[in-house]
Amino acid sequence: MSLERIGDSDRNRLRVHGALLLIWSALVGSASSALLLHVFQVHSMAVRYSVGAAAVYFLGFLGGARFYAASWRQEDKRPLPAHASLEEQK
């Protein structure tokens, strides 16, 4: 389903949530790289990239998305995003 077929209010909410997940993942990747470089003195870019990618995947996407979805489910009892009307799709 494309964003064009989702209602305006839900579309904006999904864009904000996607941006927040992107920012969280960037912070996790930057923090893991900085931690490896400055604390553990790992200068190899290959090692820092590999560990950073794993941290982004496990902490950023899986951990962050799970935490976010759980808190969103508790706060917002609305149903799944609604389809846009024909007028909104134009």
PDB file of N, CA and C in Angstrom:
ATOM      1  N   MET A   1       0.850  -1.172   0.000  1.00  0.00           N
ATOM      2  CA  MET A   1       0.000   0.000   0.000  1.00  0.00           C
ATOM      3  C   MET A   1       0.899   1.240   0.000  1.00  0.00           C
ATOM      4  N   SER A   2       0.639   2.157  -0.890  1.00  0.00           N
ATOM      5  CA  SER A   2       1.415   3.386  -0.932  1.00  0.00           C
ATOM      6  C   SER A   2       0.820   4.406   0.041  1.00  0.00           C
ATOM      7  N   LEU A   3       1.609   5.420   0.351  1.00  0.00           N
ATOM      8  CA  LEU A   3       1.127   6.462   1.260  1.00  0.00           C
ATOM      9  C   LEU A   3      -0.017   7.261   0.662  1.00  0.00           C
ATOM     10  N   GLU A   4      -0.127   7.270  -0.668  1.00  0.00           N
ATOM     11  CA  GLU A   4      -1.205   8.029  -1.304  1.00  0.00           C
ATOM     12  C   GLU A   4      -2.571   7.443  -0.985  1.00  0.00           C
ATOM     13  N   ARG A   5      -2.631   6.166  -0.662  1.00  0.00           N
ATOM     14  CA  ARG A   5      -3.925   5.522  -0.404  1.00  0.00           C
ATOM     15  C   ARG A   5      -4.291   5.536   1.078  1.00  0.00           C
ATOM     16  N   ILE A   6      -3.506   6.193   1.887  1.00  0.00           N
ATOM     17  CA  ILE A   6      -3.777   6.282   3.323  1.00  0.00           C
ATOM     18  C   ILE A   6      -4.315   7.689   3.608  1.00  0.00           C
ATOM     19  N   GLY A   7      -5.244   7.794   4.535  1.00  0.00           N
ATOM     20  CA  GLY A   7      -5.842   9.083   4.878  1.00  0.00           C
ATOM     21  C   GLY A   7      -4.809  10.097   5.353  1.00  0.00           C
ATOM     22  N   ASP A   8      -5.134  11.388   5.226  1.00  0.00           N
ATOM     23  CA  ASP A   8      -4.186  12.467   5.532  1.00  0.00           C
ATOM     24  C   ASP A   8      -3.636  12.417   6.949  1.00  0.00           C
ATOM     25  N   SER A   9      -4.490  12.275   7.944  1.00  0.00           N
ATOM     26  CA  SER A   9      -4.010  12.295   9.332  1.00  0.00           C
ATOM     27  C   SER A   9      -3.112  11.104   9.615  1.00  0.00           C
ATOM     28  N   ASP A  10      -3.491   9.943   9.108  1.00  0.00           N
ATOM     29  CA  ASP A  10      -2.662   8.763   9.329  1.00  0.00           C
ATOM     30  C   ASP A  10      -1.379   8.825   8.506  1.00  0.00           C
ATOM     31  N   ARG A  11      -1.438   9.410   7.328  1.00  0.00           N
ATOM     32  CA  ARG A  11      -0.249   9.545   6.490  1.00  0.00           C
ATOM     33  C   ARG A  11       0.803  10.404   7.182  1.00  0.00           C
ATOM     34  N   ASN A  12       0.372  11.526   7.737  1.00  0.00           N
ATOM     35  CA  ASN A  12       1.313  12.402   8.444  1.00  0.00           C
ATOM     36  C   ASN A  12       1.889  11.712   9.670  1.00  0.00           C
ATOM     37  N   ARG A  13       1.045  10.971  10.369  1.00  0.00           N
ATOM     38  CA  ARG A  13       1.517  10.257  11.558  1.00  0.00           C
ATOM     39  C   ARG A  13       2.557   9.206  11.181  1.00  0.00           C
ATOM     40  N   LEU A  14       2.329   8.476  10.095  1.00  0.00           N
ATOM     41  CA  LEU A  14       3.288   7.466   9.660  1.00  0.00           C
ATOM     42  C   LEU A  14       4.591   8.092   9.194  1.00  0.00           C
ATOM     43  N   ARG A  15       4.535   9.252   8.565  1.00  0.00           N
ATOM     44  CA  ARG A  15       5.763   9.940   8.158  1.00  0.00           C
ATOM     45  C   ARG A  15       6.578  10.370   9.368  1.00  0.00           C
ATOM     46  N   VAL A  16       5.917  10.908  10.371  1.00  0.00           N
ATOM     47  CA  VAL A  16       6.625  11.322  11.592  1.00  0.00           C
ATOM     48  C   VAL A  16       7.235  10.109  12.281  1.00  0.00           C
ATOM     49  N   HIS A  17       6.490   9.027  12.356  1.00  0.00           N
ATOM     50  CA  HIS A  17       6.998   7.821  13.008  1.00  0.00           C
ATOM     51  C   HIS A  17       8.179   7.245  12.238  1.00  0.00           C
ATOM     52  N   GLY A  18       8.124   7.270  10.923  1.00  0.00           N
ATOM     53  CA  GLY A  18       9.252   6.802  10.118  1.00  0.00           C
ATOM     54  C   GLY A  18      10.484   7.670  10.317  1.00  0.00           C
ATOM     55  N   ALA A  19      10.276   8.979  10.398  1.00  0.00           N
ATOM     56  CA  ALA A  19      11.399   9.891  10.632  1.00  0.00           C
ATOM     57  C   ALA A  19      12.011   9.657  12.008  1.00  0.00           C
ATOM     58  N   LEU A  20      11.179   9.422  13.015  1.00  0.00           N
ATOM     59  CA  LEU A  20      11.702   9.145  14.353  1.00  0.00           C
ATOM     60  C   LEU A  20      12.509   7.851  14.395  1.00  0.00           C
ATOM     61  N   LEU A  21      12.061   6.837  13.698  1.00  0.00           N
ATOM     62  CA  LEU A  21      12.802   5.582  13.630  1.00  0.00           C
ATOM     63  C   LEU A  21      14.126   5.778  12.908  1.00  0.00           C
ATOM     64  N   LEU A  22      14.138   6.586  11.863  1.00  0.00           N
ATOM     65  CA  LEU A  22      15.373   6.876  11.145  1.00  0.00           C
ATOM     66  C   LEU A  22      16.364   7.625  12.032  1.00  0.00           C
ATOM     67  N   ILE A  23      15.894   8.618  12.762  1.00  0.00           N
ATOM     68  CA  ILE A  23      16.758   9.381  13.665  1.00  0.00           C
ATOM     69  C   ILE A  23      17.309   8.482  14.762  1.00  0.00           C
ATOM     70  N   TRP A  24      16.462   7.638  15.342  1.00  0.00           N
ATOM     71  CA  TRP A  24      16.904   6.710  16.379  1.00  0.00           C
ATOM     72  C   TRP A  24      17.990   5.788  15.846  1.00  0.00           C
ATOM     73  N   SER A  25      17.809   5.259  14.652  1.00  0.00           N
ATOM     74  CA  SER A  25      18.789   4.345  14.064  1.00  0.00           C
ATOM     75  C   SER A  25      20.104   5.063  13.793  1.00  0.00           C
ATOM     76  N   ALA A  26      20.050   6.296  13.320  1.00  0.00           N
ATOM     77  CA  ALA A  26      21.267   7.069  13.088  1.00  0.00           C
ATOM     78  C   ALA A  26      22.003   7.339  14.397  1.00  0.00           C
ATOM     79  N   LEU A  27      21.258   7.635  15.458  1.00  0.00           N
ATOM     80  CA  LEU A  27      21.886   7.862  16.764  1.00  0.00           C
ATOM     81  C   LEU A  27      22.549   6.593  17.295  1.00  0.00           C
ATOM     82  N   VAL A  28      21.895   5.460  17.142  1.00  0.00           N
ATOM     83  CA  VAL A  28      22.468   4.196  17.602  1.00  0.00           C
ATOM     84  C   VAL A  28      23.743   3.881  16.824  1.00  0.00           C
ATOM     85  N   GLY A  29      23.714   4.059  15.506  1.00  0.00           N
ATOM     86  CA  GLY A  29      24.898   3.791  14.689  1.00  0.00           C
ATOM     87  C   GLY A  29      26.048   4.720  15.021  1.00  0.00           C
ATOM     88  N   SER A  30      25.764   6.003  15.179  1.00  0.00           N
ATOM     89  CA  SER A  30      26.816   6.971  15.523  1.00  0.00           C
ATOM     90  C   SER A  30      27.385   6.713  16.907  1.00  0.00           C
ATOM     91  N   ALA A  31      26.516   6.414  17.855  1.00  0.00           N
ATOM     92  CA  ALA A  31      26.978   6.147  19.225  1.00  0.00           C
ATOM     93  C   ALA A  31      27.823   4.887  19.286  1.00  0.00           C
ATOM     94  N   SER A  32      27.428   3.847  18.568  1.00  0.00           N
ATOM     95  CA  SER A  32      28.217   2.615  18.609  1.00  0.00           C
ATOM     96  C   SER A  32      29.577   2.819  17.958  1.00  0.00           C
ATOM     97  N   SER A  33      29.638   3.559  16.867  1.00  0.00           N
ATOM     98  CA  SER A  33      30.915   3.833  16.219  1.00  0.00           C
ATOM     99  C   SER A  33      31.813   4.695  17.109  1.00  0.00           C
ATOM    100  N   ALA A  34      31.241   5.721  17.712  1.00  0.00           N
ATOM    101  CA  ALA A  34      32.018   6.585  18.605  1.00  0.00           C
ATOM    102  C   ALA A  34      32.500   5.821  19.835  1.00  0.00           C
ATOM    103  N   LEU A  35      31.658   4.959  20.369  1.00  0.00           N
ATOM    104  CA  LEU A  35      32.044   4.156  21.524  1.00  0.00           C
ATOM    105  C   LEU A  35      33.213   3.230  21.184  1.00  0.00           C
ATOM    106  N   LEU A  36      33.124   2.575  20.039  1.00  0.00           N
ATOM    107  CA  LEU A  36      34.221   1.689  19.630  1.00  0.00           C
ATOM    108  C   LEU A  36      35.508   2.464  19.372  1.00  0.00           C
ATOM    109  N   LEU A  37      35.410   3.637  18.774  1.00  0.00           N
ATOM    110  CA  LEU A  37      36.598   4.411  18.448  1.00  0.00           C
ATOM    111  C   LEU A  37      37.227   5.046  19.679  1.00  0.00           C
ATOM    112  N   HIS A  38      36.437   5.707  20.500  1.00  0.00           N
ATOM    113  CA  HIS A  38      37.003   6.499  21.593  1.00  0.00           C
ATOM    114  C   HIS A  38      37.185   5.732  22.888  1.00  0.00           C
ATOM    115  N   VAL A  39      36.365   4.749  23.153  1.00  0.00           N
ATOM    116  CA  VAL A  39      36.483   3.999  24.405  1.00  0.00           C
ATOM    117  C   VAL A  39      37.325   2.740  24.223  1.00  0.00           C
ATOM    118  N   PHE A  40      37.019   1.978  23.165  1.00  0.00           N
ATOM    119  CA  PHE A  40      37.715   0.708  22.960  1.00  0.00           C
ATOM    120  C   PHE A  40      38.886   0.823  21.983  1.00  0.00           C
ATOM    121  N   GLN A  41      39.141   2.017  21.458  1.00  0.00           N
ATOM    122  CA  GLN A  41      40.265   2.288  20.564  1.00  0.00           C
ATOM    123  C   GLN A  41      40.301   1.360  19.343  1.00  0.00           C
ATOM    124  N   VAL A  42      39.149   1.072  18.774  1.00  0.00           N
ATOM    125  CA  VAL A  42      39.071   0.262  17.560  1.00  0.00           C
ATOM    126  C   VAL A  42      39.136   1.221  16.381  1.00  0.00           C
ATOM    127  N   HIS A  43      40.216   1.173  15.615  1.00  0.00           N
ATOM    128  CA  HIS A  43      40.406   2.099  14.500  1.00  0.00           C
ATOM    129  C   HIS A  43      40.022   1.499  13.161  1.00  0.00           C
ATOM    130  N   SER A  44      39.769   0.214  13.114  1.00  0.00           N
ATOM    131  CA  SER A  44      39.408  -0.449  11.866  1.00  0.00           C
ATOM    132  C   SER A  44      37.983  -0.072  11.475  1.00  0.00           C
ATOM    133  N   MET A  45      37.860   0.535  10.295  1.00  0.00           N
ATOM    134  CA  MET A  45      36.537   0.927   9.818  1.00  0.00           C
ATOM    135  C   MET A  45      35.656  -0.289   9.544  1.00  0.00           C
ATOM    136  N   ALA A  46      36.259  -1.381   9.094  1.00  0.00           N
ATOM    137  CA  ALA A  46      35.479  -2.584   8.801  1.00  0.00           C
ATOM    138  C   ALA A  46      34.841  -3.143  10.063  1.00  0.00           C
ATOM    139  N   VAL A  47      35.586  -3.168  11.148  1.00  0.00           N
ATOM    140  CA  VAL A  47      35.052  -3.680  12.416  1.00  0.00           C
ATOM    141  C   VAL A  47      33.990  -2.725  12.951  1.00  0.00           C
ATOM    142  N   ARG A  48      34.290  -1.425  12.934  1.00  0.00           N
ATOM    143  CA  ARG A  48      33.324  -0.462  13.449  1.00  0.00           C
ATOM    144  C   ARG A  48      32.051  -0.458  12.624  1.00  0.00           C
ATOM    145  N   TYR A  49      32.179  -0.601  11.302  1.00  0.00           N
ATOM    146  CA  TYR A  49      30.999  -0.632  10.453  1.00  0.00           C
ATOM    147  C   TYR A  49      30.180  -1.894  10.726  1.00  0.00           C
ATOM    148  N   SER A  50      30.837  -3.029  10.852  1.00  0.00           N
ATOM    149  CA  SER A  50      30.122  -4.287  11.094  1.00  0.00           C
ATOM    150  C   SER A  50      29.380  -4.262  12.424  1.00  0.00           C
ATOM    151  N   VAL A  51      30.067  -3.837  13.458  1.00  0.00           N
ATOM    152  CA  VAL A  51      29.438  -3.776  14.777  1.00  0.00           C
ATOM    153  C   VAL A  51      28.343  -2.707  14.785  1.00  0.00           C
ATOM    154  N   GLY A  52      28.590  -1.580  14.116  1.00  0.00           N
ATOM    155  CA  GLY A  52      27.593  -0.521  14.047  1.00  0.00           C
ATOM    156  C   GLY A  52      26.345  -0.956  13.288  1.00  0.00           C
ATOM    157  N   ALA A  53      26.535  -1.699  12.198  1.00  0.00           N
ATOM    158  CA  ALA A  53      25.380  -2.188  11.431  1.00  0.00           C
ATOM    159  C   ALA A  53      24.557  -3.169  12.259  1.00  0.00           C
ATOM    160  N   ALA A  54      25.236  -4.040  13.003  1.00  0.00           N
ATOM    161  CA  ALA A  54      24.525  -4.981  13.872  1.00  0.00           C
ATOM    162  C   ALA A  54      23.784  -4.233  14.983  1.00  0.00           C
ATOM    163  N   ALA A  55      24.418  -3.211  15.546  1.00  0.00           N
ATOM    164  CA  ALA A  55      23.768  -2.429  16.607  1.00  0.00           C
ATOM    165  C   ALA A  55      22.546  -1.692  16.063  1.00  0.00           C
ATOM    166  N   VAL A  56      22.675  -1.132  14.862  1.00  0.00           N
ATOM    167  CA  VAL A  56      21.529  -0.439  14.264  1.00  0.00           C
ATOM    168  C   VAL A  56      20.394  -1.423  14.027  1.00  0.00           C
ATOM    169  N   TYR A  57      20.717  -2.617  13.541  1.00  0.00           N
ATOM    170  CA  TYR A  57      19.665  -3.585  13.265  1.00  0.00           C
ATOM    171  C   TYR A  57      19.012  -4.070  14.550  1.00  0.00           C
ATOM    172  N   PHE A  58      19.827  -4.532  15.509  1.00  0.00           N
ATOM    173  CA  PHE A  58      19.255  -5.131  16.714  1.00  0.00           C
ATOM    174  C   PHE A  58      18.718  -4.095  17.687  1.00  0.00           C
ATOM    175  N   LEU A  59      19.481  -3.057  17.974  1.00  0.00           N
ATOM    176  CA  LEU A  59      19.010  -2.037  18.919  1.00  0.00           C
ATOM    177  C   LEU A  59      18.103  -1.017  18.237  1.00  0.00           C
ATOM    178  N   GLY A  60      18.505  -0.587  17.047  1.00  0.00           N
ATOM    179  CA  GLY A  60      17.753   0.460  16.367  1.00  0.00           C
ATOM    180  C   GLY A  60      16.424  -0.012  15.831  1.00  0.00           C
ATOM    181  N   PHE A  61      16.473  -1.008  14.946  1.00  0.00           N
ATOM    182  CA  PHE A  61      15.236  -1.429  14.302  1.00  0.00           C
ATOM    183  C   PHE A  61      14.418  -2.370  15.172  1.00  0.00           C
ATOM    184  N   LEU A  62      15.017  -3.435  15.635  1.00  0.00           N
ATOM    185  CA  LEU A  62      14.240  -4.425  16.385  1.00  0.00           C
ATOM    186  C   LEU A  62      13.866  -3.923  17.777  1.00  0.00           C
ATOM    187  N   GLY A  63      14.852  -3.470  18.532  1.00  0.00           N
ATOM    188  CA  GLY A  63      14.580  -2.992  19.889  1.00  0.00           C
ATOM    189  C   GLY A  63      13.759  -1.717  19.910  1.00  0.00           C
ATOM    190  N   GLY A  64      14.175  -0.736  19.088  1.00  0.00           N
ATOM    191  CA  GLY A  64      13.463   0.540  19.046  1.00  0.00           C
ATOM    192  C   GLY A  64      12.046   0.400  18.522  1.00  0.00           C
ATOM    193  N   ALA A  65      11.887  -0.367  17.453  1.00  0.00           N
ATOM    194  CA  ALA A  65      10.549  -0.546  16.886  1.00  0.00           C
ATOM    195  C   ALA A  65       9.641  -1.329  17.829  1.00  0.00           C
ATOM    196  N   ARG A  66      10.196  -2.300  18.517  1.00  0.00           N
ATOM    197  CA  ARG A  66       9.381  -3.072  19.463  1.00  0.00           C
ATOM    198  C   ARG A  66       8.923  -2.194  20.630  1.00  0.00           C
ATOM    199  N   PHE A  67       9.849  -1.428  21.184  1.00  0.00           N
ATOM    200  CA  PHE A  67       9.511  -0.519  22.276  1.00  0.00           C
ATOM    201  C   PHE A  67       8.495   0.521  21.807  1.00  0.00           C
ATOM    202  N   TYR A  68       8.727   1.074  20.625  1.00  0.00           N
ATOM    203  CA  TYR A  68       7.854   2.103  20.092  1.00  0.00           C
ATOM    204  C   TYR A  68       6.459   1.557  19.818  1.00  0.00           C
ATOM    205  N   ALA A  69       6.389   0.374  19.221  1.00  0.00           N
ATOM    206  CA  ALA A  69       5.085  -0.220  18.914  1.00  0.00           C
ATOM    207  C   ALA A  69       4.321  -0.549  20.196  1.00  0.00           C
ATOM    208  N   ALA A  70       5.024  -1.018  21.211  1.00  0.00           N
ATOM    209  CA  ALA A  70       4.362  -1.344  22.476  1.00  0.00           C
ATOM    210  C   ALA A  70       3.808  -0.080  23.136  1.00  0.00           C
ATOM    211  N   SER A  71       4.586   0.995  23.127  1.00  0.00           N
ATOM    212  CA  SER A  71       4.098   2.230  23.747  1.00  0.00           C
ATOM    213  C   SER A  71       2.994   2.857  22.912  1.00  0.00           C
ATOM    214  N   TRP A  72       3.062   2.733  21.592  1.00  0.00           N
ATOM    215  CA  TRP A  72       2.037   3.283  20.711  1.00  0.00           C
ATOM    216  C   TRP A  72       0.735   2.518  20.880  1.00  0.00           C
ATOM    217  N   ARG A  73       0.816   1.214  21.042  1.00  0.00           N
ATOM    218  CA  ARG A  73      -0.376   0.381  21.223  1.00  0.00           C
ATOM    219  C   ARG A  73      -1.094   0.756  22.514  1.00  0.00           C
ATOM    220  N   GLN A  74      -0.339   1.070  23.560  1.00  0.00           N
ATOM    221  CA  GLN A  74      -0.961   1.411  24.839  1.00  0.00           C
ATOM    222  C   GLN A  74      -1.604   2.800  24.795  1.00  0.00           C
ATOM    223  N   GLU A  75      -0.960   3.741  24.100  1.00  0.00           N
ATOM    224  CA  GLU A  75      -1.457   5.119  24.085  1.00  0.00           C
ATOM    225  C   GLU A  75      -2.598   5.319  23.112  1.00  0.00           C
ATOM    226  N   ASP A  76      -2.518   4.679  21.967  1.00  0.00           N
ATOM    227  CA  ASP A  76      -3.452   4.977  20.887  1.00  0.00           C
ATOM    228  C   ASP A  76      -4.301   3.753  20.596  1.00  0.00           C
ATOM    229  N   LYS A  77      -5.561   3.831  20.891  1.00  0.00           N
ATOM    230  CA  LYS A  77      -6.469   2.701  20.680  1.00  0.00           C
ATOM    231  C   LYS A  77      -7.191   2.785  19.339  1.00  0.00           C
ATOM    232  N   ARG A  78      -6.726   3.659  18.448  1.00  0.00           N
ATOM    233  CA  ARG A  78      -7.357   3.777  17.138  1.00  0.00           C
ATOM    234  C   ARG A  78      -7.023   2.559  16.290  1.00  0.00           C
ATOM    235  N   PRO A  79      -7.849   2.261  15.313  1.00  0.00           N
ATOM    236  CA  PRO A  79      -7.564   1.125  14.427  1.00  0.00           C
ATOM    237  C   PRO A  79      -6.388   1.426  13.500  1.00  0.00           C
ATOM    238  N   LEU A  80      -6.060   0.489  12.666  1.00  0.00           N
ATOM    239  CA  LEU A  80      -4.990   0.669  11.688  1.00  0.00           C
ATOM    240  C   LEU A  80      -5.289   1.861  10.793  1.00  0.00           C
ATOM    241  N   PRO A  81      -4.273   2.407  10.117  1.00  0.00           N
ATOM    242  CA  PRO A  81      -4.508   3.568   9.259  1.00  0.00           C
ATOM    243  C   PRO A  81      -5.632   3.337   8.257  1.00  0.00           C
ATOM    244  N   ALA A  82      -6.447   4.360   8.105  1.00  0.00           N
ATOM    245  CA  ALA A  82      -7.616   4.268   7.227  1.00  0.00           C
ATOM    246  C   ALA A  82      -7.234   4.594   5.797  1.00  0.00           C
ATOM    247  N   HIS A  83      -7.967   4.015   4.868  1.00  0.00           N
ATOM    248  CA  HIS A  83      -7.762   4.332   3.453  1.00  0.00           C
ATOM    249  C   HIS A  83      -8.231   5.753   3.187  1.00  0.00           C
ATOM    250  N   ALA A  84      -7.565   6.402   2.262  1.00  0.00           N
ATOM    251  CA  ALA A  84      -7.958   7.749   1.872  1.00  0.00           C
ATOM    252  C   ALA A  84      -9.211   7.691   1.008  1.00  0.00           C
ATOM    253  N   SER A  85      -9.972   8.749   1.064  1.00  0.00           N
ATOM    254  CA  SER A  85     -11.136   8.829   0.186  1.00  0.00           C
ATOM    255  C   SER A  85     -10.650   9.107  -1.237  1.00  0.00           C
ATOM    256  N   LEU A  86     -11.521   8.996  -2.191  1.00  0.00           N
ATOM    257  CA  LEU A  86     -11.123   9.252  -3.582  1.00  0.00           C
ATOM    258  C   LEU A  86     -10.667  10.689  -3.775  1.00  0.00           C
ATOM    259  N   GLU A  87     -11.260  11.644  -3.052  1.00  0.00           N
ATOM    260  CA  GLU A  87     -10.863  13.037  -3.160  1.00  0.00           C
ATOM    261  C   GLU A  87      -9.455  13.248  -2.602  1.00  0.00           C
ATOM    262  N   GLU A  88      -9.104  12.575  -1.510  1.00  0.00           N
ATOM    263  CA  GLU A  88      -7.782  12.720  -0.910  1.00  0.00           C
ATOM    264  C   GLU A  88      -6.691  12.100  -1.772  1.00  0.00           C
ATOM    265  N   GLN A  89      -7.035  11.101  -2.567  1.00  0.00           N
ATOM    266  CA  GLN A  89      -6.041  10.436  -3.412  1.00  0.00           C
ATOM    267  C   GLN A  89      -5.658  11.272  -4.630  1.00  0.00           C
ATOM    268  N   LYS A  90      -6.439  12.287  -4.960  1.00  0.00           N
ATOM    269  CA  LYS A  90      -6.153  13.101  -6.155  1.00  0.00           C
ATOM    270  C   LYS A  90      -5.198  14.221  -5.891  1.00  0.00           C
TER     271      LYS A  90
END
